Amino acid sequence: MPVAEAVETYVALRRAAGFAFKSEGSCLKSFAAFCDARGESSVRAQVAIEWAGLAQGVPQRARRLGIVIRLARYLRAEDDRHEVPPAVFGAEKSPRPVPYILSLDQIRQLIHAAAQSGYRTLRRETYRTLFALLACTGLRVSEAIRLRFDDITPDGLVIRCSKFRKSRLVPLHDTARAGLDRYLQRRCPYAPDDDHVFVSLRRKPLILNDVATAFQTAVRVVGLPPGPGRARPTPHSLRHAFAVRALHTCPDGRDAITRHMVALSTYLGHAKVADTYWYLEAVPELMTDIADRCERFVTGERS
């Protein structure tokens, strides 16, 4: 089977399994064309390394080669003429950066700063409400700016086809719902022809760059210092802070902790529960809690 045909079969299989596989599919088509130009009818390790090496940076090379490695493993299961290349460019994914965890007081300051920034326009209410919603729900910024009127239901916010093409329901506290209602009373007359919850002064849906700019403006006003490892606060820090607060409330007991972690992972829309457990090792305060509980367990304490 020619490499191009094998790639088509593999890409179709991954998409049938529920993966979007857009950038990966494009990469593999490029690789197949590269193989065809060299007269290769199967995956060759040296050819794969040469193709991946065309990328400018080492991380991009590692990612391209990783995509081919997974293809080669799939093809080799039925045809051992395919070679699985070694990961000569290192790991595909670099370690996750240290998160910037905002305290409740810092979150209040940021929301207050957003409410005072710029002219006395809808912009103030938009970012005050948006940042408060991110902080109390743990939504991704992309999920919040895609919200539409119909997504606000009596049971909570419906997050439709978010990351990993999953949908979920996020409950809203009464205070969060009241704040959202107050914002919509001002927002609806401003852009009646658009049904996005959050809009810019251009009467268009917010974009990620606009949110990042508004957040950094608030950060400068508040004067937040760099975090561990020179971590910088970003809008995603509001989601991190929510996750850490939720983990701090985790009850004792193996079964209770397991249920708590699974529930939080589902609530946050994580594809893998390991993404939720990452907070335990990324946040020193949580690691300290774990160490304390382990010490009490070893010494026989149960309180």
Protein backbone atom coordinates (compact mmCIF):
# COMPACT_ATOMS: atom_id res chain seq x y z
CA MET A 1 0.00 0.00 0.00
CA PRO A 2 1.49 3.41 -0.96
CA VAL A 3 2.21 5.74 1.93
CA ALA A 4 -0.41 8.24 0.72
CA GLU A 5 -3.11 5.55 0.73
CA ALA A 6 -2.02 4.31 4.16
CA VAL A 7 -2.20 7.86 5.49
CA GLU A 8 -5.74 8.31 4.14
CA THR A 9 -6.84 5.11 5.86
CA TYR A 10 -5.18 6.08 9.14
CA VAL A 11 -6.61 9.62 9.14
CA ALA A 12 -10.10 8.30 8.37
CA LEU A 13 -9.81 5.85 11.27
CA ARG A 14 -8.73 8.51 13.75
CA ARG A 15 -11.55 10.83 12.70
CA ALA A 16 -14.08 8.01 12.92
CA ALA A 17 -12.88 7.49 16.50
CA GLY A 18 -13.89 11.07 17.32
CA PHE A 19 -10.64 12.98 16.83
CA ALA A 20 -10.72 16.20 14.78
CA PHE A 21 -7.24 15.35 13.48
CA LYS A 22 -6.98 18.48 11.31
CA SER A 23 -3.39 19.64 11.76
CA GLU A 24 -2.18 16.04 12.21
CA GLY A 25 -3.92 15.02 8.99
CA SER A 26 -2.32 17.89 7.09
CA CYS A 27 1.11 16.95 8.46
CA LEU A 28 0.71 13.33 7.42
CA LYS A 29 -0.39 14.29 3.91
CA SER A 30 2.75 16.41 3.65
CA PHE A 31 4.80 13.45 4.85
CA ALA A 32 3.14 11.14 2.31
CA ALA A 33 3.97 13.55 -0.51
CA PHE A 34 7.55 13.69 0.77
CA CYS A 35 7.75 9.88 0.68
CA ASP A 36 6.22 9.66 -2.79
CA ALA A 37 8.74 12.19 -4.12
CA ARG A 38 11.50 9.83 -2.96
CA GLY A 39 9.85 6.73 -4.31
CA GLU A 40 9.22 5.23 -0.87
CA SER A 41 6.34 2.76 -0.58
CA SER A 42 6.57 2.40 3.21
CA VAL A 43 7.57 4.47 6.21
CA ARG A 44 11.35 4.70 6.55
CA ALA A 45 12.89 6.00 9.74
CA GLN A 46 15.55 8.10 8.02
CA VAL A 47 13.05 9.64 5.61
CA ALA A 48 10.71 10.50 8.49
CA ILE A 49 13.54 12.16 10.41
CA GLU A 50 14.58 14.10 7.33
CA TRP A 51 11.00 15.31 6.77
CA ALA A 52 10.47 16.28 10.40
CA GLY A 53 13.81 18.11 10.37
CA LEU A 54 12.47 20.56 7.80
CA ALA A 55 10.60 22.37 10.59
CA GLN A 56 12.39 25.43 11.94
CA GLY A 57 12.31 24.74 15.68
CA VAL A 58 13.12 21.63 17.71
CA PRO A 59 9.64 21.49 19.35
CA GLN A 60 8.00 21.55 15.90
CA ARG A 61 10.36 18.83 14.67
CA ALA A 62 9.57 16.67 17.70
CA ARG A 63 5.84 17.10 17.13
CA ARG A 64 6.04 16.25 13.40
CA LEU A 65 8.12 13.17 14.07
CA GLY A 66 5.78 12.10 16.88
CA ILE A 67 2.84 12.15 14.46
CA VAL A 68 4.75 9.88 12.06
CA ILE A 69 5.82 7.56 14.89
CA ARG A 70 2.17 6.93 15.80
CA LEU A 71 1.36 6.32 12.12
CA ALA A 72 4.25 3.89 11.79
CA ARG A 73 3.21 1.92 14.88
CA TYR A 74 -0.29 1.57 13.46
CA LEU A 75 0.96 0.43 10.04
CA ARG A 76 3.64 -1.90 11.41
CA ALA A 77 1.02 -3.92 13.27
CA GLU A 78 0.02 -5.39 9.89
CA ASP A 79 3.12 -4.80 7.79
CA ASP A 80 6.59 -5.02 9.31
CA ARG A 81 8.17 -3.28 6.33
CA HIS A 82 7.23 0.00 8.01
CA GLU A 83 9.89 1.35 10.37
CA VAL A 84 9.11 3.16 13.61
CA PRO A 85 11.49 6.15 13.82
CA PRO A 86 13.30 6.92 17.07
CA ALA A 87 12.31 10.16 18.83
CA VAL A 88 15.60 11.87 17.94
CA PHE A 89 14.21 15.37 18.55
CA GLY A 90 13.08 14.64 22.07
CA ALA A 91 9.62 14.61 23.64
CA GLU A 92 6.74 16.12 21.68
CA LYS A 93 5.36 18.05 24.61
CA SER A 94 7.38 20.33 26.81
CA PRO A 95 6.61 20.33 30.55
CA ARG A 96 3.50 22.30 31.44
CA PRO A 97 4.39 25.75 32.75
CA VAL A 98 3.97 26.53 36.43
CA PRO A 99 0.46 27.96 36.87
CA TYR A 100 -0.10 31.37 38.41
CA ILE A 101 -2.58 30.81 41.23
CA LEU A 102 -4.57 33.90 42.15
CA SER A 103 -5.80 34.42 45.68
CA LEU A 104 -9.41 35.43 46.31
CA ASP A 105 -8.24 38.93 47.22
CA GLN A 106 -6.27 39.23 43.97
CA ILE A 107 -9.29 38.07 41.98
CA ARG A 108 -11.44 40.74 43.65
CA GLN A 109 -8.82 43.38 42.83
CA LEU A 110 -8.67 42.31 39.18
CA ILE A 111 -12.44 42.40 38.80
CA HIS A 112 -12.54 45.84 40.43
CA ALA A 113 -9.75 47.07 38.13
CA ALA A 114 -11.63 45.77 35.07
CA ALA A 115 -14.73 47.64 36.23
CA GLN A 116 -12.74 50.89 36.36
CA SER A 117 -10.65 50.56 33.18
CA GLY A 118 -11.35 52.62 30.08
CA TYR A 119 -14.22 54.95 29.42
CA ARG A 120 -17.59 54.59 31.11
CA THR A 121 -18.93 52.24 28.49
CA LEU A 122 -20.24 48.69 28.27
CA ARG A 123 -16.60 47.54 28.16
CA ARG A 124 -16.30 47.95 31.92
CA GLU A 125 -19.34 45.79 32.61
CA THR A 126 -18.29 43.24 29.99
CA TYR A 127 -14.90 42.48 31.49
CA ARG A 128 -16.02 42.75 35.09
CA THR A 129 -18.72 40.18 34.41
CA LEU A 130 -16.51 37.98 32.25
CA PHE A 131 -13.65 37.80 34.76
CA ALA A 132 -16.07 37.15 37.63
CA LEU A 133 -17.74 34.36 35.64
CA LEU A 134 -14.39 32.74 34.82
CA ALA A 135 -13.37 32.89 38.48
CA CYS A 136 -16.54 31.34 39.88
CA THR A 137 -17.12 28.67 37.21
CA GLY A 138 -13.63 27.68 36.03
CA LEU A 139 -14.63 28.02 32.39
CA ARG A 140 -12.01 28.29 29.67
CA VAL A 141 -11.89 31.76 28.12
CA SER A 142 -12.80 30.28 24.74
CA GLU A 143 -15.89 28.66 26.26
CA ALA A 144 -17.05 31.87 27.91
CA ILE A 145 -16.73 34.08 24.82
CA ARG A 146 -18.66 31.55 22.73
CA LEU A 147 -21.65 31.54 25.09
CA ARG A 148 -24.97 32.48 23.51
CA PHE A 149 -28.25 33.48 25.06
CA ASP A 150 -29.75 29.99 24.62
CA ASP A 151 -26.84 28.52 26.58
CA ILE A 152 -28.10 30.18 29.77
CA THR A 153 -30.64 27.73 31.17
CA PRO A 154 -32.40 27.30 34.54
CA ASP A 155 -29.99 24.44 35.28
CA GLY A 156 -26.83 26.37 34.42
CA LEU A 157 -24.61 27.15 31.44
CA VAL A 158 -24.56 24.73 28.52
CA ILE A 159 -21.00 24.53 27.16
CA ARG A 160 -21.41 23.21 23.64
CA CYS A 161 -18.76 21.27 21.70
CA SER A 162 -15.87 22.76 23.61
CA LYS A 163 -12.32 21.47 23.62
CA PHE A 164 -12.18 17.80 22.54
CA ARG A 165 -15.69 18.36 21.04
CA LYS A 166 -17.40 17.64 24.34
CA SER A 167 -20.46 19.38 25.77
CA ARG A 168 -21.29 19.74 29.44
CA LEU A 169 -23.54 21.60 31.88
CA VAL A 170 -21.95 24.03 34.35
CA PRO A 171 -24.18 24.94 37.32
CA LEU A 172 -24.43 28.60 38.32
CA HIS A 173 -24.62 29.93 41.85
CA ASP A 174 -27.49 32.37 42.45
CA THR A 175 -25.04 35.25 42.86
CA ALA A 176 -23.35 34.42 39.54
CA ARG A 177 -26.69 34.23 37.79
CA ALA A 178 -27.72 37.59 39.27
CA GLY A 179 -24.49 39.19 38.07
CA LEU A 180 -24.98 37.76 34.58
CA ASP A 181 -28.57 39.02 34.49
CA ARG A 182 -27.45 42.54 35.46
CA TYR A 183 -24.90 42.54 32.66
CA LEU A 184 -27.42 41.31 30.07
CA GLN A 185 -29.82 44.11 30.96
CA ARG A 186 -27.21 46.60 29.68
CA ARG A 187 -25.73 44.42 26.98
CA CYS A 188 -28.92 43.38 25.10
CA PRO A 189 -29.94 46.89 23.96
CA TYR A 190 -26.34 47.59 22.91
CA ALA A 191 -26.06 44.78 20.33
CA PRO A 192 -29.58 43.39 19.80
CA ASP A 193 -28.67 41.64 16.53
CA ASP A 194 -25.99 39.40 18.05
CA ASP A 195 -26.88 36.59 20.44
CA HIS A 196 -23.42 36.14 21.98
CA VAL A 197 -23.46 36.85 25.70
CA PHE A 198 -20.25 38.88 25.68
CA VAL A 199 -19.68 41.49 22.98
CA SER A 200 -17.06 44.14 22.28
CA LEU A 201 -17.63 47.84 21.69
CA ARG A 202 -17.66 46.94 17.99
CA ARG A 203 -20.89 45.03 18.70
CA LYS A 204 -19.09 41.81 17.76
CA PRO A 205 -18.28 38.69 19.85
CA LEU A 206 -15.18 39.04 21.99
CA ILE A 207 -11.96 37.50 20.70
CA LEU A 208 -9.18 35.94 22.77
CA ASN A 209 -6.71 38.77 22.09
CA ASP A 210 -9.20 41.35 23.38
CA VAL A 211 -9.68 39.40 26.61
CA ALA A 212 -5.94 38.96 27.09
CA THR A 213 -5.35 42.69 26.58
CA ALA A 214 -8.06 43.67 29.05
CA PHE A 215 -6.74 41.20 31.61
CA GLN A 216 -3.16 42.45 31.33
CA THR A 217 -4.41 46.01 31.75
CA ALA A 218 -6.08 44.97 35.01
CA VAL A 219 -2.92 43.11 36.09
CA ARG A 220 -0.84 46.26 35.62
CA VAL A 221 -3.32 48.34 37.59
CA VAL A 222 -3.30 45.86 40.47
CA GLY A 223 0.46 45.39 40.24
CA LEU A 224 0.54 41.61 40.56
CA PRO A 225 4.08 40.26 41.07
CA PRO A 226 5.51 37.35 39.05
CA GLY A 227 4.83 33.93 40.48
CA PRO A 228 7.13 30.91 41.03
CA GLY A 229 9.40 30.32 38.06
CA ARG A 230 8.55 33.82 36.80
CA ALA A 231 5.01 32.65 36.04
CA ARG A 232 2.78 35.42 34.73
CA PRO A 233 -0.93 35.82 35.37
CA THR A 234 -3.17 35.26 32.35
CA PRO A 235 -6.95 34.97 31.96
CA HIS A 236 -6.48 31.20 32.32
CA SER A 237 -5.17 31.84 35.84
CA LEU A 238 -8.79 32.38 36.90
CA ARG A 239 -9.55 28.79 35.85
CA HIS A 240 -6.44 27.54 37.66
CA ALA A 241 -7.53 29.33 40.83
CA PHE A 242 -10.99 27.76 40.64
CA ALA A 243 -9.52 24.26 40.25
CA VAL A 244 -7.18 24.72 43.21
CA ARG A 245 -10.00 26.00 45.45
CA ALA A 246 -12.06 22.96 44.48
CA LEU A 247 -9.17 20.62 45.33
CA HIS A 248 -8.69 22.30 48.71
CA THR A 249 -12.25 21.25 49.60
CA CYS A 250 -11.60 17.61 48.72
CA PRO A 251 -12.76 15.33 51.59
CA ASP A 252 -10.57 12.69 53.24
CA GLY A 253 -10.80 9.03 52.32
CA ARG A 254 -9.66 7.21 49.19
CA ASP A 255 -13.15 6.65 47.77
CA ALA A 256 -14.25 10.21 48.49
CA ILE A 257 -11.10 11.64 46.90
CA THR A 258 -11.58 9.48 43.80
CA ARG A 259 -15.17 10.62 43.37
CA HIS A 260 -14.17 14.24 43.97
CA MET A 261 -11.40 14.14 41.35
CA VAL A 262 -13.60 12.46 38.74
CA ALA A 263 -16.40 14.97 39.36
CA LEU A 264 -14.00 17.93 39.12
CA SER A 265 -12.40 16.54 35.95
CA THR A 266 -15.83 16.21 34.35
CA TYR A 267 -16.88 19.66 35.52
CA LEU A 268 -13.75 21.29 34.07
CA GLY A 269 -14.13 19.45 30.77
CA HIS A 270 -10.78 17.66 31.01
CA ALA A 271 -10.29 14.86 28.50
CA LYS A 272 -8.22 12.88 31.03
CA VAL A 273 -8.44 12.86 34.81
CA ALA A 274 -4.63 13.06 34.77
CA ASP A 275 -5.03 16.69 33.66
CA THR A 276 -6.86 17.36 36.92
CA TYR A 277 -4.32 15.48 39.04
CA TRP A 278 -1.65 17.73 37.48
CA TYR A 279 -2.73 20.52 39.83
CA LEU A 280 -1.65 18.40 42.79
CA GLU A 281 1.97 18.43 41.65
CA ALA A 282 1.91 21.92 40.15
CA VAL A 283 0.76 23.79 43.26
CA PRO A 284 3.08 23.76 46.31
CA GLU A 285 0.19 24.27 48.76
CA LEU A 286 -1.55 21.13 47.52
CA MET A 287 1.68 19.15 47.63
CA THR A 288 2.12 20.29 51.24
CA ASP A 289 -1.39 19.08 52.07
CA ILE A 290 -0.61 15.70 50.50
CA ALA A 291 2.64 15.41 52.46
CA ASP A 292 0.88 16.29 55.72
CA ARG A 293 -1.84 13.70 55.14
CA CYS A 294 0.73 11.05 54.23
CA GLU A 295 2.66 11.79 57.42
CA ARG A 296 -0.49 11.51 59.53
CA PHE A 297 -1.34 8.22 57.84
CA VAL A 298 2.14 6.76 58.45
CA THR A 299 2.14 7.83 62.11
CA GLY A 300 -1.30 6.35 62.64
CA GLU A 301 -3.22 9.63 62.95
CA ARG A 302 -6.66 9.72 61.38
CA SER A 303 -7.79 13.29 62.10
